[in-house]
Amino acid sequence: MVRIAPKPQQPVEVNYTAFDSPSLQFLPRQQEAPGWKLETDPMVVPKEHIVHYLGPEGPVFAGYQALDDTVGKYSATNGSGFAT
């Protein structure tokens, strides 16, 4: 009897910019935070994806029972740095 192993599945790509969260209203937009500019659309990582998204630190963060993780990438308007 010959058994064929199933083909490994590719990880599903998740578009975190497609999720919505009430916490997005507290994330500073374009020039709302003096000296900083939002570079890209903010992301919302739902609680069921936090462990995978954060890797080894994921279980620690999940222990806080957060509903989601809202992330924005900012650059300094004077060009000397960035913040996430």
C-alpha atoms as a PDB file:
ATOM      1  CA  MET A   1       0.000   0.000   0.000  1.00  0.00           C
ATOM      2  CA  VAL A   2       1.335   3.412  -0.978  1.00  0.00           C
ATOM      3  CA  ARG A   3       0.372   6.488   0.995  1.00  0.00           C
ATOM      4  CA  ILE A   4       0.905   9.949  -0.327  1.00  0.00           C
ATOM      5  CA  ALA A   5       1.645  12.587   2.254  1.00  0.00           C
ATOM      6  CA  PRO A   6      -0.577  15.653   1.979  1.00  0.00           C
ATOM      7  CA  LYS A   7       1.026  18.718   0.480  1.00  0.00           C
ATOM      8  CA  PRO A   8       2.046  21.167   3.211  1.00  0.00           C
ATOM      9  CA  GLN A   9      -0.270  24.140   3.256  1.00  0.00           C
ATOM     10  CA  GLN A  10       1.120  27.608   2.835  1.00  0.00           C
ATOM     11  CA  PRO A  11       0.360  29.958   5.721  1.00  0.00           C
ATOM     12  CA  VAL A  12      -2.630  32.146   5.003  1.00  0.00           C
ATOM     13  CA  GLU A  13      -1.667  35.782   4.547  1.00  0.00           C
ATOM     14  CA  VAL A  14      -3.739  38.011   6.825  1.00  0.00           C
ATOM     15  CA  ASN A  15      -4.508  41.608   5.859  1.00  0.00           C
ATOM     16  CA  TYR A  16      -4.426  43.309   9.251  1.00  0.00           C
ATOM     17  CA  THR A  17      -5.410  46.671   7.735  1.00  0.00           C
ATOM     18  CA  ALA A  18      -8.831  45.177   6.909  1.00  0.00           C
ATOM     19  CA  PHE A  19      -9.838  44.735  10.568  1.00  0.00           C
ATOM     20  CA  ASP A  20     -11.640  47.423  12.529  1.00  0.00           C
ATOM     21  CA  SER A  21     -11.368  48.216  16.224  1.00  0.00           C
ATOM     22  CA  PRO A  22     -12.673  50.881  18.595  1.00  0.00           C
ATOM     23  CA  SER A  23      -9.026  51.478  19.586  1.00  0.00           C
ATOM     24  CA  LEU A  24      -8.328  52.975  16.132  1.00  0.00           C
ATOM     25  CA  GLN A  25     -10.060  56.164  17.258  1.00  0.00           C
ATOM     26  CA  PHE A  26      -7.260  56.726  19.801  1.00  0.00           C
ATOM     27  CA  LEU A  27      -4.399  56.223  17.340  1.00  0.00           C
ATOM     28  CA  PRO A  28      -3.053  59.616  16.227  1.00  0.00           C
ATOM     29  CA  ARG A  29      -3.495  60.261  12.504  1.00  0.00           C
ATOM     30  CA  GLN A  30      -1.388  62.348  10.113  1.00  0.00           C
ATOM     31  CA  GLN A  31      -0.360  65.458  12.080  1.00  0.00           C
ATOM     32  CA  GLU A  32      -2.332  64.895  15.303  1.00  0.00           C
ATOM     33  CA  ALA A  33       0.832  63.957  17.249  1.00  0.00           C
ATOM     34  CA  PRO A  34       3.178  66.970  17.012  1.00  0.00           C
ATOM     35  CA  GLY A  35       6.458  66.012  15.374  1.00  0.00           C
ATOM     36  CA  TRP A  36       5.180  62.693  13.999  1.00  0.00           C
ATOM     37  CA  LYS A  37       3.506  61.584  10.787  1.00  0.00           C
ATOM     38  CA  LEU A  38       1.610  58.321  10.283  1.00  0.00           C
ATOM     39  CA  GLU A  39       3.385  56.518   7.407  1.00  0.00           C
ATOM     40  CA  THR A  40       0.929  53.758   6.497  1.00  0.00           C
ATOM     41  CA  ASP A  41      -2.586  52.629   7.290  1.00  0.00           C
ATOM     42  CA  PRO A  42      -2.778  51.402  10.875  1.00  0.00           C
ATOM     43  CA  MET A  43      -3.216  47.701  11.532  1.00  0.00           C
ATOM     44  CA  VAL A  44      -5.486  45.858  13.926  1.00  0.00           C
ATOM     45  CA  VAL A  45      -4.337  42.416  15.037  1.00  0.00           C
ATOM     46  CA  PRO A  46      -7.374  40.610  16.518  1.00  0.00           C
ATOM     47  CA  LYS A  47      -6.830  38.676  19.758  1.00  0.00           C
ATOM     48  CA  GLU A  48      -6.996  35.316  17.974  1.00  0.00           C
ATOM     49  CA  HIS A  49      -3.975  36.350  15.831  1.00  0.00           C
ATOM     50  CA  ILE A  50      -1.850  38.076  18.506  1.00  0.00           C
ATOM     51  CA  VAL A  51       0.213  35.027  19.495  1.00  0.00           C
ATOM     52  CA  HIS A  52       1.099  34.268  15.875  1.00  0.00           C
ATOM     53  CA  TYR A  53       1.738  37.932  14.977  1.00  0.00           C
ATOM     54  CA  LEU A  54       4.010  38.700  17.956  1.00  0.00           C
ATOM     55  CA  GLY A  55       5.856  35.380  18.008  1.00  0.00           C
ATOM     56  CA  PRO A  56       7.585  34.436  21.290  1.00  0.00           C
ATOM     57  CA  GLU A  57       6.175  37.473  23.146  1.00  0.00           C
ATOM     58  CA  GLY A  58       2.652  36.670  21.955  1.00  0.00           C
ATOM     59  CA  PRO A  59       1.602  34.474  24.902  1.00  0.00           C
ATOM     60  CA  VAL A  60       2.760  37.142  27.387  1.00  0.00           C
ATOM     61  CA  PHE A  61       0.769  39.852  25.583  1.00  0.00           C
ATOM     62  CA  ALA A  62      -2.244  37.532  25.281  1.00  0.00           C
ATOM     63  CA  GLY A  63      -2.082  37.059  29.051  1.00  0.00           C
ATOM     64  CA  TYR A  64      -3.229  40.673  29.427  1.00  0.00           C
ATOM     65  CA  GLN A  65      -6.514  39.596  27.779  1.00  0.00           C
ATOM     66  CA  ALA A  66      -6.294  42.368  25.191  1.00  0.00           C
ATOM     67  CA  LEU A  67      -9.108  42.509  22.657  1.00  0.00           C
ATOM     68  CA  ASP A  68      -6.671  43.375  19.883  1.00  0.00           C
ATOM     69  CA  ASP A  69      -3.338  45.034  19.142  1.00  0.00           C
ATOM     70  CA  THR A  70      -3.587  48.281  17.196  1.00  0.00           C
ATOM     71  CA  VAL A  71      -0.380  49.321  15.457  1.00  0.00           C
ATOM     72  CA  GLY A  72       0.675  52.399  13.524  1.00  0.00           C
ATOM     73  CA  LYS A  73       4.098  53.232  12.067  1.00  0.00           C
ATOM     74  CA  TYR A  74       5.182  56.837  12.438  1.00  0.00           C
ATOM     75  CA  SER A  75       8.145  58.825  11.177  1.00  0.00           C
ATOM     76  CA  ALA A  76       9.532  61.966  12.742  1.00  0.00           C
ATOM     77  CA  THR A  77       8.641  65.031  10.687  1.00  0.00           C
ATOM     78  CA  ASN A  78      12.225  66.261  11.081  1.00  0.00           C
ATOM     79  CA  GLY A  79      13.449  62.983   9.497  1.00  0.00           C
ATOM     80  CA  SER A  80      15.426  61.742  12.500  1.00  0.00           C
ATOM     81  CA  GLY A  81      13.521  58.678  13.639  1.00  0.00           C
ATOM     82  CA  PHE A  82      10.481  56.465  13.698  1.00  0.00           C
ATOM     83  CA  ALA A  83       8.065  54.976  16.229  1.00  0.00           C
ATOM     84  CA  THR A  84       5.669  52.062  16.176  1.00  0.00           C
END
